[in-house]
């Protein structure tokens, strides 16, 4: 769910509705994540305070056994500098609340440059995103990281090679492009080579 943070009560209720969803045959979601990217609230201090409050409330509603993820802006470009959409992102305050980080490390954010350097640029950008999270949450519980690497339509061989290299170099728990229906056979072959470690929720 993508909270606008205009109203913590509204975002809490909509999150609760998503968590309570059951399919016609009784299936439900295995976990839940907040998509933290909205800049609808322009006052940064207010936005951050509401995000922290909402995160704690949703964590409490989920209970300790349901995995809770934070889908974050691209850490090294979208947070923690005056020109970023989230110039002050509360990494440390959120670290104890969430079970995993899912940074939106998109291919288009890596410097294009000549085609032959594309894989290296993607790798370096994604590695920096993971480093940023781990640096900003140093001293807090270290959570698994899953790289969210944009749409399959943007995923050429060089981009996927860079994703695979970054995933291995950073020792992340997961990496993906979306969605499954538009991923090509070649993309699936590359993704299967990631061979990332399997982890269990806390």
N, C-alpha and C. Protein backbone atom coordinates (compact mmCIF):
# COMPACT_ATOMS: atom_id res chain seq x y z
N UNK A 1 0.84 -1.19 0.00
CA UNK A 1 0.00 0.00 0.00
C UNK A 1 0.87 1.24 0.00
N UNK A 2 0.47 2.27 -0.80
CA UNK A 2 1.22 3.52 -0.89
C UNK A 2 0.49 4.60 -0.08
N UNK A 3 0.95 4.88 1.15
CA UNK A 3 0.29 5.91 1.96
C UNK A 3 0.69 7.30 1.52
N UNK A 4 -0.30 8.19 1.39
CA UNK A 4 0.02 9.59 1.08
C UNK A 4 0.45 10.36 2.31
N UNK A 5 0.09 9.85 3.50
CA UNK A 5 0.44 10.46 4.78
C UNK A 5 -0.28 11.79 5.01
N UNK A 6 -1.33 12.06 4.23
CA UNK A 6 -2.17 13.22 4.51
C UNK A 6 -2.96 12.98 5.80
N UNK A 7 -3.33 11.71 6.01
CA UNK A 7 -4.07 11.31 7.22
C UNK A 7 -3.58 9.94 7.65
N UNK A 8 -2.98 9.87 8.83
CA UNK A 8 -2.50 8.59 9.35
C UNK A 8 -3.68 7.64 9.55
N UNK A 9 -4.82 8.18 9.98
CA UNK A 9 -5.99 7.33 10.21
C UNK A 9 -6.47 6.68 8.92
N UNK A 10 -6.52 7.45 7.83
CA UNK A 10 -6.95 6.90 6.53
C UNK A 10 -5.96 5.84 6.06
N UNK A 11 -4.67 6.14 6.15
CA UNK A 11 -3.66 5.18 5.70
C UNK A 11 -3.68 3.91 6.56
N UNK A 12 -3.93 4.06 7.84
CA UNK A 12 -4.01 2.90 8.73
C UNK A 12 -5.21 2.03 8.34
N UNK A 13 -6.34 2.65 8.07
CA UNK A 13 -7.54 1.90 7.71
C UNK A 13 -7.36 1.19 6.37
N UNK A 14 -6.77 1.85 5.40
CA UNK A 14 -6.56 1.22 4.10
C UNK A 14 -5.55 0.07 4.21
N UNK A 15 -4.54 0.24 5.03
CA UNK A 15 -3.59 -0.85 5.27
C UNK A 15 -4.30 -2.04 5.91
N UNK A 16 -5.18 -1.74 6.87
CA UNK A 16 -5.93 -2.81 7.54
C UNK A 16 -6.81 -3.57 6.54
N UNK A 17 -7.40 -2.84 5.60
CA UNK A 17 -8.24 -3.50 4.58
C UNK A 17 -7.40 -4.43 3.71
N UNK A 18 -6.21 -3.99 3.35
CA UNK A 18 -5.33 -4.83 2.54
C UNK A 18 -4.90 -6.07 3.32
N UNK A 19 -4.57 -5.88 4.58
CA UNK A 19 -4.13 -7.00 5.41
C UNK A 19 -5.25 -8.01 5.63
N UNK A 20 -6.49 -7.51 5.65
CA UNK A 20 -7.64 -8.38 5.91
C UNK A 20 -8.15 -9.08 4.64
N UNK A 21 -7.58 -8.77 3.48
CA UNK A 21 -8.07 -9.33 2.23
C UNK A 21 -8.04 -10.85 2.24
N UNK A 22 -9.10 -11.46 1.75
CA UNK A 22 -9.16 -12.90 1.52
C UNK A 22 -9.75 -13.14 0.14
N UNK A 23 -9.16 -14.07 -0.60
CA UNK A 23 -9.69 -14.39 -1.91
C UNK A 23 -10.95 -15.24 -1.76
N UNK A 24 -11.58 -15.54 -2.89
CA UNK A 24 -12.82 -16.32 -2.84
C UNK A 24 -12.60 -17.69 -2.22
N UNK A 25 -11.39 -18.22 -2.34
CA UNK A 25 -11.13 -19.54 -1.74
C UNK A 25 -10.37 -19.45 -0.41
N UNK A 26 -10.26 -18.24 0.12
CA UNK A 26 -9.71 -18.07 1.46
C UNK A 26 -8.23 -17.76 1.53
N UNK A 27 -7.58 -17.54 0.38
CA UNK A 27 -6.15 -17.21 0.41
C UNK A 27 -5.94 -15.79 0.93
N UNK A 28 -4.78 -15.56 1.55
CA UNK A 28 -4.44 -14.23 2.04
C UNK A 28 -2.97 -13.95 1.77
N UNK A 29 -2.57 -12.71 1.97
CA UNK A 29 -1.18 -12.34 1.75
C UNK A 29 -0.29 -12.92 2.84
N UNK A 30 0.93 -13.32 2.44
CA UNK A 30 1.89 -13.86 3.41
C UNK A 30 2.59 -12.76 4.20
N UNK A 31 2.62 -11.56 3.64
CA UNK A 31 3.28 -10.44 4.31
C UNK A 31 2.68 -9.15 3.81
N UNK A 32 3.22 -8.04 4.28
CA UNK A 32 2.66 -6.73 3.92
C UNK A 32 3.80 -5.73 3.87
N UNK A 33 3.70 -4.76 2.92
CA UNK A 33 4.73 -3.73 2.81
C UNK A 33 4.09 -2.37 2.54
N UNK A 34 4.70 -1.34 3.09
CA UNK A 34 4.32 0.03 2.78
C UNK A 34 5.25 0.58 1.70
N UNK A 35 4.66 1.18 0.68
CA UNK A 35 5.39 1.77 -0.43
C UNK A 35 5.66 3.23 -0.09
N UNK A 36 6.85 3.51 0.40
CA UNK A 36 7.15 4.83 0.98
C UNK A 36 7.78 5.71 -0.10
N UNK A 37 6.93 6.42 -0.84
CA UNK A 37 7.47 7.32 -1.86
C UNK A 37 6.67 8.60 -2.02
N UNK A 38 5.46 8.66 -1.49
CA UNK A 38 4.61 9.83 -1.70
C UNK A 38 5.24 11.09 -1.12
N UNK A 39 5.14 12.18 -1.86
CA UNK A 39 5.59 13.49 -1.40
C UNK A 39 4.41 14.45 -1.30
N UNK A 40 3.21 13.87 -1.09
CA UNK A 40 1.99 14.69 -1.02
C UNK A 40 2.04 15.68 0.14
N UNK A 41 2.69 15.29 1.23
CA UNK A 41 2.87 16.20 2.38
C UNK A 41 4.21 16.91 2.18
N UNK A 42 4.16 18.21 1.92
CA UNK A 42 5.38 18.93 1.56
C UNK A 42 6.28 19.21 2.76
N UNK A 43 5.69 19.37 3.94
CA UNK A 43 6.50 19.63 5.13
C UNK A 43 7.22 18.34 5.53
N UNK A 44 8.54 18.35 5.45
CA UNK A 44 9.30 17.13 5.64
C UNK A 44 9.18 16.60 7.07
N UNK A 45 9.24 17.48 8.05
CA UNK A 45 9.14 17.04 9.45
C UNK A 45 7.80 16.37 9.72
N UNK A 46 6.72 16.96 9.18
CA UNK A 46 5.39 16.37 9.34
C UNK A 46 5.30 15.03 8.64
N UNK A 47 5.82 14.98 7.43
CA UNK A 47 5.78 13.74 6.65
C UNK A 47 6.52 12.61 7.37
N UNK A 48 7.71 12.92 7.87
CA UNK A 48 8.51 11.90 8.56
C UNK A 48 7.82 11.44 9.84
N UNK A 49 7.29 12.39 10.60
CA UNK A 49 6.61 12.03 11.86
C UNK A 49 5.41 11.14 11.59
N UNK A 50 4.66 11.44 10.54
CA UNK A 50 3.49 10.62 10.21
C UNK A 50 3.91 9.23 9.73
N UNK A 51 4.99 9.16 8.97
CA UNK A 51 5.47 7.86 8.50
C UNK A 51 5.87 6.99 9.69
N UNK A 52 6.59 7.55 10.64
CA UNK A 52 7.00 6.78 11.81
C UNK A 52 5.79 6.31 12.60
N UNK A 53 4.82 7.19 12.80
CA UNK A 53 3.61 6.83 13.54
C UNK A 53 2.84 5.73 12.83
N UNK A 54 2.63 5.89 11.53
CA UNK A 54 1.90 4.89 10.76
C UNK A 54 2.63 3.55 10.78
N UNK A 55 3.94 3.58 10.63
CA UNK A 55 4.72 2.34 10.61
C UNK A 55 4.53 1.56 11.90
N UNK A 56 4.59 2.25 13.03
CA UNK A 56 4.39 1.59 14.32
C UNK A 56 2.97 1.03 14.44
N UNK A 57 1.99 1.79 13.96
CA UNK A 57 0.61 1.33 14.06
C UNK A 57 0.36 0.10 13.19
N UNK A 58 0.89 0.10 11.98
CA UNK A 58 0.70 -1.06 11.10
C UNK A 58 1.45 -2.27 11.66
N UNK A 59 2.66 -2.05 12.18
CA UNK A 59 3.40 -3.15 12.80
C UNK A 59 2.59 -3.77 13.94
N UNK A 60 1.98 -2.92 14.75
CA UNK A 60 1.17 -3.43 15.84
C UNK A 60 -0.04 -4.22 15.36
N UNK A 61 -0.65 -3.76 14.28
CA UNK A 61 -1.83 -4.45 13.73
C UNK A 61 -1.44 -5.79 13.11
N UNK A 62 -0.27 -5.86 12.49
CA UNK A 62 0.18 -7.09 11.86
C UNK A 62 0.52 -8.16 12.88
N UNK A 63 1.05 -7.74 14.02
CA UNK A 63 1.57 -8.70 14.98
C UNK A 63 2.99 -9.08 14.64
N UNK A 64 3.65 -9.79 15.53
CA UNK A 64 5.09 -10.06 15.36
C UNK A 64 5.43 -11.11 14.32
N UNK A 65 4.45 -11.91 13.89
CA UNK A 65 4.77 -13.05 13.03
C UNK A 65 4.56 -12.81 11.54
N UNK A 66 3.99 -11.67 11.16
CA UNK A 66 3.74 -11.37 9.76
C UNK A 66 4.89 -10.50 9.23
N UNK A 67 5.59 -10.92 8.19
CA UNK A 67 6.68 -10.10 7.65
C UNK A 67 6.19 -8.73 7.19
N UNK A 68 6.94 -7.69 7.55
CA UNK A 68 6.57 -6.30 7.27
C UNK A 68 7.73 -5.64 6.53
N UNK A 69 7.47 -5.20 5.30
CA UNK A 69 8.52 -4.62 4.48
C UNK A 69 8.36 -3.13 4.27
N UNK A 70 9.49 -2.45 4.08
CA UNK A 70 9.52 -1.03 3.73
C UNK A 70 10.03 -0.90 2.31
N UNK A 71 9.15 -0.51 1.39
CA UNK A 71 9.54 -0.25 0.00
C UNK A 71 9.98 1.21 -0.05
N UNK A 72 11.28 1.45 -0.10
CA UNK A 72 11.80 2.80 0.08
C UNK A 72 12.14 3.48 -1.24
N UNK A 73 12.26 4.81 -1.22
CA UNK A 73 12.82 5.50 -2.38
C UNK A 73 14.23 4.99 -2.64
N UNK A 74 14.79 5.25 -3.82
CA UNK A 74 16.17 4.83 -4.09
C UNK A 74 17.11 5.51 -3.10
N UNK A 75 17.74 4.75 -2.21
CA UNK A 75 18.44 5.36 -1.07
C UNK A 75 19.51 6.38 -1.43
N UNK A 76 20.37 6.07 -2.40
CA UNK A 76 21.50 6.95 -2.65
C UNK A 76 21.15 8.17 -3.49
N UNK A 77 19.97 8.16 -4.14
CA UNK A 77 19.57 9.30 -4.97
C UNK A 77 18.26 9.94 -4.50
N UNK A 78 17.42 9.18 -3.81
CA UNK A 78 16.10 9.69 -3.45
C UNK A 78 15.92 10.06 -2.00
N UNK A 79 17.00 9.91 -1.20
CA UNK A 79 16.89 10.25 0.22
C UNK A 79 18.15 10.97 0.69
N UNK A 80 17.98 11.69 1.80
CA UNK A 80 19.10 12.19 2.59
C UNK A 80 20.01 13.19 1.90
N UNK A 81 19.46 13.99 1.00
CA UNK A 81 20.18 15.16 0.50
C UNK A 81 19.14 16.21 0.11
N UNK A 82 19.52 17.48 0.09
CA UNK A 82 18.54 18.55 -0.10
C UNK A 82 17.74 18.47 -1.39
N UNK A 83 18.27 17.83 -2.42
CA UNK A 83 17.58 17.76 -3.70
C UNK A 83 16.72 16.50 -3.84
N UNK A 84 16.75 15.65 -2.84
CA UNK A 84 16.01 14.39 -2.90
C UNK A 84 14.55 14.60 -2.55
N UNK A 85 13.71 13.68 -3.00
CA UNK A 85 12.29 13.75 -2.64
C UNK A 85 12.05 13.56 -1.17
N UNK A 86 12.94 12.80 -0.51
CA UNK A 86 12.90 12.60 0.94
C UNK A 86 14.24 13.07 1.51
N UNK A 87 14.43 14.38 1.69
CA UNK A 87 15.74 14.90 2.12
C UNK A 87 16.16 14.41 3.50
N UNK A 88 15.19 14.01 4.33
CA UNK A 88 15.49 13.42 5.63
C UNK A 88 14.65 12.15 5.75
N UNK A 89 15.29 11.00 5.59
CA UNK A 89 14.55 9.73 5.69
C UNK A 89 14.91 9.06 7.01
N UNK A 90 13.91 8.63 7.78
CA UNK A 90 14.17 8.14 9.15
C UNK A 90 14.61 6.67 9.20
N UNK A 91 15.74 6.37 8.59
CA UNK A 91 16.21 4.99 8.53
C UNK A 91 16.33 4.36 9.92
N UNK A 92 17.02 5.05 10.81
CA UNK A 92 17.28 4.47 12.13
C UNK A 92 16.00 4.25 12.93
N UNK A 93 15.07 5.22 12.84
CA UNK A 93 13.83 5.08 13.59
C UNK A 93 12.96 3.95 13.06
N UNK A 94 13.07 3.68 11.77
CA UNK A 94 12.23 2.64 11.17
C UNK A 94 12.87 1.25 11.24
N UNK A 95 14.18 1.19 11.44
CA UNK A 95 14.88 -0.10 11.41
C UNK A 95 14.30 -1.14 12.37
N UNK A 96 13.92 -0.78 13.60
CA UNK A 96 13.37 -1.80 14.49
C UNK A 96 11.94 -2.21 14.13
N UNK A 97 11.28 -1.43 13.28
CA UNK A 97 9.87 -1.66 12.99
C UNK A 97 9.68 -2.65 11.85
N UNK A 98 10.54 -2.55 10.83
CA UNK A 98 10.37 -3.35 9.62
C UNK A 98 11.25 -4.60 9.64
N UNK A 99 10.80 -5.61 8.92
CA UNK A 99 11.55 -6.86 8.82
C UNK A 99 12.47 -6.90 7.61
N UNK A 100 12.24 -6.03 6.63
CA UNK A 100 13.05 -6.04 5.41
C UNK A 100 12.97 -4.69 4.72
N UNK A 101 14.06 -4.34 4.03
CA UNK A 101 14.10 -3.14 3.19
C UNK A 101 13.97 -3.58 1.73
N UNK A 102 13.14 -2.86 0.98
CA UNK A 102 12.98 -3.12 -0.45
C UNK A 102 13.21 -1.81 -1.21
N UNK A 103 14.47 -1.41 -1.41
CA UNK A 103 14.74 -0.13 -2.07
C UNK A 103 14.38 -0.18 -3.55
N UNK A 104 13.76 0.89 -4.04
CA UNK A 104 13.40 1.00 -5.45
C UNK A 104 14.63 1.49 -6.24
N UNK A 105 15.56 0.60 -6.45
CA UNK A 105 16.82 0.92 -7.13
C UNK A 105 16.61 0.72 -8.63
N UNK A 106 16.06 1.71 -9.28
CA UNK A 106 15.61 1.55 -10.66
C UNK A 106 16.76 1.71 -11.66
N UNK A 107 16.67 0.92 -12.74
CA UNK A 107 17.68 0.97 -13.79
C UNK A 107 17.86 2.39 -14.35
N UNK A 108 16.74 3.12 -14.51
CA UNK A 108 16.83 4.44 -15.14
C UNK A 108 17.60 5.44 -14.29
N UNK A 109 17.81 5.13 -13.01
CA UNK A 109 18.54 6.04 -12.14
C UNK A 109 20.05 5.86 -12.26
N UNK A 110 20.47 4.74 -12.84
CA UNK A 110 21.90 4.53 -13.07
C UNK A 110 22.32 5.33 -14.31
N UNK A 111 23.44 6.02 -14.21
CA UNK A 111 23.94 6.83 -15.32
C UNK A 111 24.05 5.98 -16.57
N UNK A 112 23.39 6.42 -17.63
CA UNK A 112 23.38 5.63 -18.86
C UNK A 112 24.77 5.41 -19.44
N UNK A 113 25.42 6.47 -19.87
CA UNK A 113 26.74 6.34 -20.46
C UNK A 113 26.71 5.46 -21.70
N UNK A 114 27.87 5.09 -22.21
CA UNK A 114 27.92 4.20 -23.37
C UNK A 114 27.37 2.82 -23.01
N UNK A 115 26.77 2.14 -23.96
CA UNK A 115 26.16 0.84 -23.68
C UNK A 115 27.10 -0.15 -22.99
N UNK A 116 28.38 -0.14 -23.35
CA UNK A 116 29.30 -1.13 -22.80
C UNK A 116 29.54 -0.93 -21.29
N UNK A 117 29.24 0.28 -20.77
CA UNK A 117 29.42 0.52 -19.33
C UNK A 117 28.12 0.41 -18.55
N UNK A 118 27.04 0.05 -19.23
CA UNK A 118 25.72 0.03 -18.58
C UNK A 118 25.66 -0.94 -17.41
N UNK A 119 26.18 -2.15 -17.58
CA UNK A 119 26.13 -3.13 -16.50
C UNK A 119 26.89 -2.62 -15.27
N UNK A 120 28.06 -2.03 -15.49
CA UNK A 120 28.86 -1.53 -14.37
C UNK A 120 28.16 -0.37 -13.68
N UNK A 121 27.51 0.50 -14.44
CA UNK A 121 26.80 1.63 -13.84
C UNK A 121 25.64 1.16 -12.98
N UNK A 122 24.88 0.18 -13.49
CA UNK A 122 23.77 -0.37 -12.71
C UNK A 122 24.31 -1.04 -11.44
N UNK A 123 25.34 -1.85 -11.60
CA UNK A 123 25.94 -2.52 -10.44
C UNK A 123 26.38 -1.50 -9.39
N UNK A 124 27.09 -0.47 -9.80
CA UNK A 124 27.61 0.50 -8.85
C UNK A 124 26.50 1.26 -8.15
N UNK A 125 25.45 1.63 -8.90
CA UNK A 125 24.32 2.35 -8.30
C UNK A 125 23.61 1.48 -7.28
N UNK A 126 23.37 0.22 -7.62
CA UNK A 126 22.64 -0.67 -6.71
C UNK A 126 23.47 -1.00 -5.47
N UNK A 127 24.78 -1.21 -5.66
CA UNK A 127 25.66 -1.46 -4.52
C UNK A 127 25.66 -0.27 -3.58
N UNK A 128 25.68 0.94 -4.15
CA UNK A 128 25.65 2.15 -3.33
C UNK A 128 24.34 2.26 -2.56
N UNK A 129 23.22 1.86 -3.17
CA UNK A 129 21.93 1.89 -2.46
C UNK A 129 21.95 0.98 -1.25
N UNK A 130 22.48 -0.22 -1.41
CA UNK A 130 22.55 -1.15 -0.28
C UNK A 130 23.49 -0.60 0.79
N UNK A 131 24.64 -0.08 0.37
CA UNK A 131 25.58 0.51 1.32
C UNK A 131 24.95 1.65 2.10
N UNK A 132 24.14 2.47 1.40
CA UNK A 132 23.48 3.61 2.05
C UNK A 132 22.55 3.12 3.16
N UNK A 133 21.76 2.11 2.88
CA UNK A 133 20.85 1.58 3.90
C UNK A 133 21.64 1.07 5.10
N UNK A 134 22.66 0.27 4.84
CA UNK A 134 23.40 -0.33 5.95
C UNK A 134 24.17 0.71 6.75
N UNK A 135 24.64 1.77 6.08
CA UNK A 135 25.33 2.84 6.79
C UNK A 135 24.34 3.63 7.65
N UNK A 136 23.19 3.98 7.06
CA UNK A 136 22.21 4.79 7.77
C UNK A 136 21.56 4.04 8.93
N UNK A 137 21.56 2.72 8.88
CA UNK A 137 20.94 1.94 9.97
C UNK A 137 21.99 1.28 10.86
N UNK A 138 23.23 1.72 10.75
CA UNK A 138 24.30 1.15 11.58
C UNK A 138 23.94 1.32 13.05
N UNK A 139 24.11 0.26 13.81
CA UNK A 139 23.75 0.30 15.22
C UNK A 139 22.33 -0.15 15.49
N UNK A 140 21.50 -0.19 14.44
CA UNK A 140 20.14 -0.69 14.56
C UNK A 140 20.11 -2.13 14.04
N UNK A 141 19.03 -2.87 14.28
CA UNK A 141 18.97 -4.23 13.73
C UNK A 141 19.17 -4.23 12.23
N UNK A 142 20.05 -5.09 11.74
CA UNK A 142 20.33 -5.16 10.31
C UNK A 142 19.34 -6.10 9.64
N UNK A 143 18.50 -5.53 8.79
CA UNK A 143 17.43 -6.28 8.15
C UNK A 143 17.83 -6.75 6.76
N UNK A 144 17.19 -7.82 6.26
CA UNK A 144 17.43 -8.24 4.89
C UNK A 144 17.07 -7.14 3.90
N UNK A 145 17.77 -7.15 2.76
CA UNK A 145 17.53 -6.18 1.68
C UNK A 145 17.14 -6.94 0.41
N UNK A 146 16.09 -6.44 -0.25
CA UNK A 146 15.65 -6.99 -1.53
C UNK A 146 15.65 -5.85 -2.54
N UNK A 147 16.48 -5.95 -3.57
CA UNK A 147 16.57 -4.90 -4.59
C UNK A 147 15.38 -4.97 -5.54
N UNK A 148 14.62 -3.88 -5.62
CA UNK A 148 13.50 -3.77 -6.56
C UNK A 148 14.03 -3.01 -7.77
N UNK A 149 14.15 -3.71 -8.90
CA UNK A 149 14.91 -3.16 -10.02
C UNK A 149 14.07 -2.79 -11.23
N UNK A 150 12.90 -2.24 -11.00
CA UNK A 150 12.10 -1.66 -12.07
C UNK A 150 11.40 -2.70 -12.94
N UNK A 151 10.87 -2.23 -14.06
CA UNK A 151 10.02 -3.08 -14.89
C UNK A 151 10.85 -3.96 -15.81
N UNK A 152 10.25 -5.08 -16.19
CA UNK A 152 10.91 -5.99 -17.12
C UNK A 152 11.18 -5.29 -18.46
N UNK A 153 10.33 -4.33 -18.82
CA UNK A 153 10.51 -3.61 -20.09
C UNK A 153 11.82 -2.84 -20.12
N UNK A 154 12.33 -2.44 -18.94
CA UNK A 154 13.59 -1.69 -18.86
C UNK A 154 14.79 -2.61 -18.66
N UNK A 155 14.55 -3.91 -18.62
CA UNK A 155 15.59 -4.86 -18.22
C UNK A 155 16.21 -5.54 -19.43
N UNK A 156 17.23 -4.92 -20.00
CA UNK A 156 17.99 -5.56 -21.06
C UNK A 156 19.08 -6.43 -20.46
N UNK A 157 19.86 -7.10 -21.29
CA UNK A 157 20.92 -7.98 -20.79
C UNK A 157 21.93 -7.26 -19.90
N UNK A 158 22.29 -6.03 -20.27
CA UNK A 158 23.27 -5.30 -19.47
C UNK A 158 22.70 -4.92 -18.10
N UNK A 159 21.45 -4.47 -18.09
CA UNK A 159 20.82 -4.10 -16.83
C UNK A 159 20.72 -5.30 -15.89
N UNK A 160 20.31 -6.42 -16.44
CA UNK A 160 20.17 -7.62 -15.61
C UNK A 160 21.53 -8.12 -15.14
N UNK A 161 22.55 -7.99 -15.97
CA UNK A 161 23.90 -8.36 -15.54
C UNK A 161 24.34 -7.50 -14.37
N UNK A 162 24.07 -6.18 -14.46
CA UNK A 162 24.41 -5.28 -13.37
C UNK A 162 23.66 -5.62 -12.10
N UNK A 163 22.37 -5.96 -12.23
CA UNK A 163 21.57 -6.36 -11.08
C UNK A 163 22.16 -7.60 -10.42
N UNK A 164 22.50 -8.60 -11.23
CA UNK A 164 23.06 -9.84 -10.69
C UNK A 164 24.39 -9.58 -9.98
N UNK A 165 25.23 -8.74 -10.58
CA UNK A 165 26.53 -8.43 -9.97
C UNK A 165 26.35 -7.70 -8.64
N UNK A 166 25.42 -6.73 -8.61
CA UNK A 166 25.18 -5.98 -7.38
C UNK A 166 24.62 -6.87 -6.29
N UNK A 167 23.70 -7.77 -6.66
CA UNK A 167 23.09 -8.66 -5.67
C UNK A 167 24.13 -9.55 -5.02
N UNK A 168 25.04 -10.08 -5.83
CA UNK A 168 26.08 -10.95 -5.27
C UNK A 168 27.08 -10.15 -4.44
N UNK A 169 27.50 -8.98 -4.96
CA UNK A 169 28.51 -8.18 -4.26
C UNK A 169 27.99 -7.67 -2.92
N UNK A 170 26.69 -7.34 -2.86
CA UNK A 170 26.11 -6.76 -1.65
C UNK A 170 25.55 -7.81 -0.71
N UNK A 171 25.51 -9.08 -1.16
CA UNK A 171 24.96 -10.16 -0.34
C UNK A 171 23.54 -9.85 0.12
N UNK A 172 22.71 -9.38 -0.83
CA UNK A 172 21.32 -9.10 -0.49
C UNK A 172 20.53 -10.40 -0.44
N UNK A 173 19.35 -10.33 0.15
CA UNK A 173 18.51 -11.51 0.29
C UNK A 173 17.71 -11.79 -0.98
N UNK A 174 17.36 -10.74 -1.72
CA UNK A 174 16.55 -10.93 -2.91
C UNK A 174 16.74 -9.80 -3.90
N UNK A 175 16.28 -10.04 -5.13
CA UNK A 175 16.32 -9.04 -6.19
C UNK A 175 15.26 -9.40 -7.21
N UNK A 176 14.65 -8.39 -7.84
CA UNK A 176 13.56 -8.70 -8.76
C UNK A 176 13.34 -7.57 -9.75
N UNK A 177 12.73 -7.94 -10.88
CA UNK A 177 12.09 -6.99 -11.78
C UNK A 177 10.60 -7.32 -11.79
N UNK A 178 9.77 -6.44 -12.32
CA UNK A 178 8.34 -6.73 -12.33
C UNK A 178 7.75 -6.31 -13.68
N UNK A 179 6.68 -6.94 -14.13
CA UNK A 179 6.02 -8.01 -13.39
C UNK A 179 6.33 -9.35 -14.03
N UNK A 180 5.84 -10.43 -13.45
CA UNK A 180 6.17 -11.77 -13.95
C UNK A 180 5.68 -11.98 -15.37
N UNK A 181 4.52 -11.43 -15.69
CA UNK A 181 3.90 -11.68 -16.99
C UNK A 181 4.70 -11.08 -18.14
N UNK A 182 5.41 -9.98 -17.90
CA UNK A 182 6.14 -9.31 -18.98
C UNK A 182 7.63 -9.64 -18.98
N UNK A 183 8.07 -10.50 -18.06
CA UNK A 183 9.47 -10.90 -18.02
C UNK A 183 9.72 -11.95 -19.10
N UNK A 184 10.77 -11.77 -19.86
CA UNK A 184 11.05 -12.68 -20.97
C UNK A 184 11.78 -13.93 -20.48
N UNK A 185 11.87 -14.91 -21.35
CA UNK A 185 12.59 -16.14 -21.02
C UNK A 185 14.04 -15.85 -20.69
N UNK A 186 14.67 -14.97 -21.44
CA UNK A 186 16.07 -14.61 -21.18
C UNK A 186 16.22 -13.95 -19.81
N UNK A 187 15.26 -13.09 -19.44
CA UNK A 187 15.31 -12.44 -18.13
C UNK A 187 15.20 -13.46 -17.01
N UNK A 188 14.30 -14.41 -17.17
CA UNK A 188 14.15 -15.45 -16.14
C UNK A 188 15.45 -16.25 -16.00
N UNK A 189 16.11 -16.54 -17.12
CA UNK A 189 17.36 -17.29 -17.05
C UNK A 189 18.40 -16.54 -16.22
N UNK A 190 18.49 -15.22 -16.45
CA UNK A 190 19.46 -14.42 -15.69
C UNK A 190 19.08 -14.37 -14.22
N UNK A 191 17.82 -14.16 -13.94
CA UNK A 191 17.38 -14.06 -12.55
C UNK A 191 17.62 -15.36 -11.79
N UNK A 192 17.46 -16.49 -12.48
CA UNK A 192 17.68 -17.78 -11.81
C UNK A 192 19.14 -17.98 -11.42
N UNK A 193 20.04 -17.26 -12.06
CA UNK A 193 21.46 -17.39 -11.76
C UNK A 193 21.89 -16.60 -10.54
N UNK A 194 20.99 -15.84 -9.95
CA UNK A 194 21.35 -15.01 -8.81
C UNK A 194 21.83 -15.86 -7.64
N UNK A 195 21.17 -17.01 -7.42
CA UNK A 195 21.58 -17.94 -6.36
C UNK A 195 21.78 -17.23 -5.04
N UNK A 196 20.77 -16.47 -4.62
CA UNK A 196 20.86 -15.71 -3.37
C UNK A 196 20.55 -16.61 -2.18
N UNK A 197 21.05 -16.26 -0.99
CA UNK A 197 20.81 -17.10 0.19
C UNK A 197 19.35 -17.07 0.60
N UNK A 198 18.86 -18.19 1.06
CA UNK A 198 17.47 -18.27 1.55
C UNK A 198 17.48 -17.89 3.05
N UNK A 199 16.53 -17.05 3.43
CA UNK A 199 16.41 -16.67 4.83
C UNK A 199 14.97 -16.87 5.28
N UNK A 200 14.79 -16.98 6.57
CA UNK A 200 13.47 -17.13 7.16
C UNK A 200 13.10 -15.86 7.88
N UNK A 201 11.80 -15.47 7.87
CA UNK A 201 11.38 -14.31 8.66
C UNK A 201 11.73 -14.53 10.13
N UNK A 202 11.92 -13.43 10.84
CA UNK A 202 12.24 -13.55 12.27
C UNK A 202 11.08 -14.18 13.02
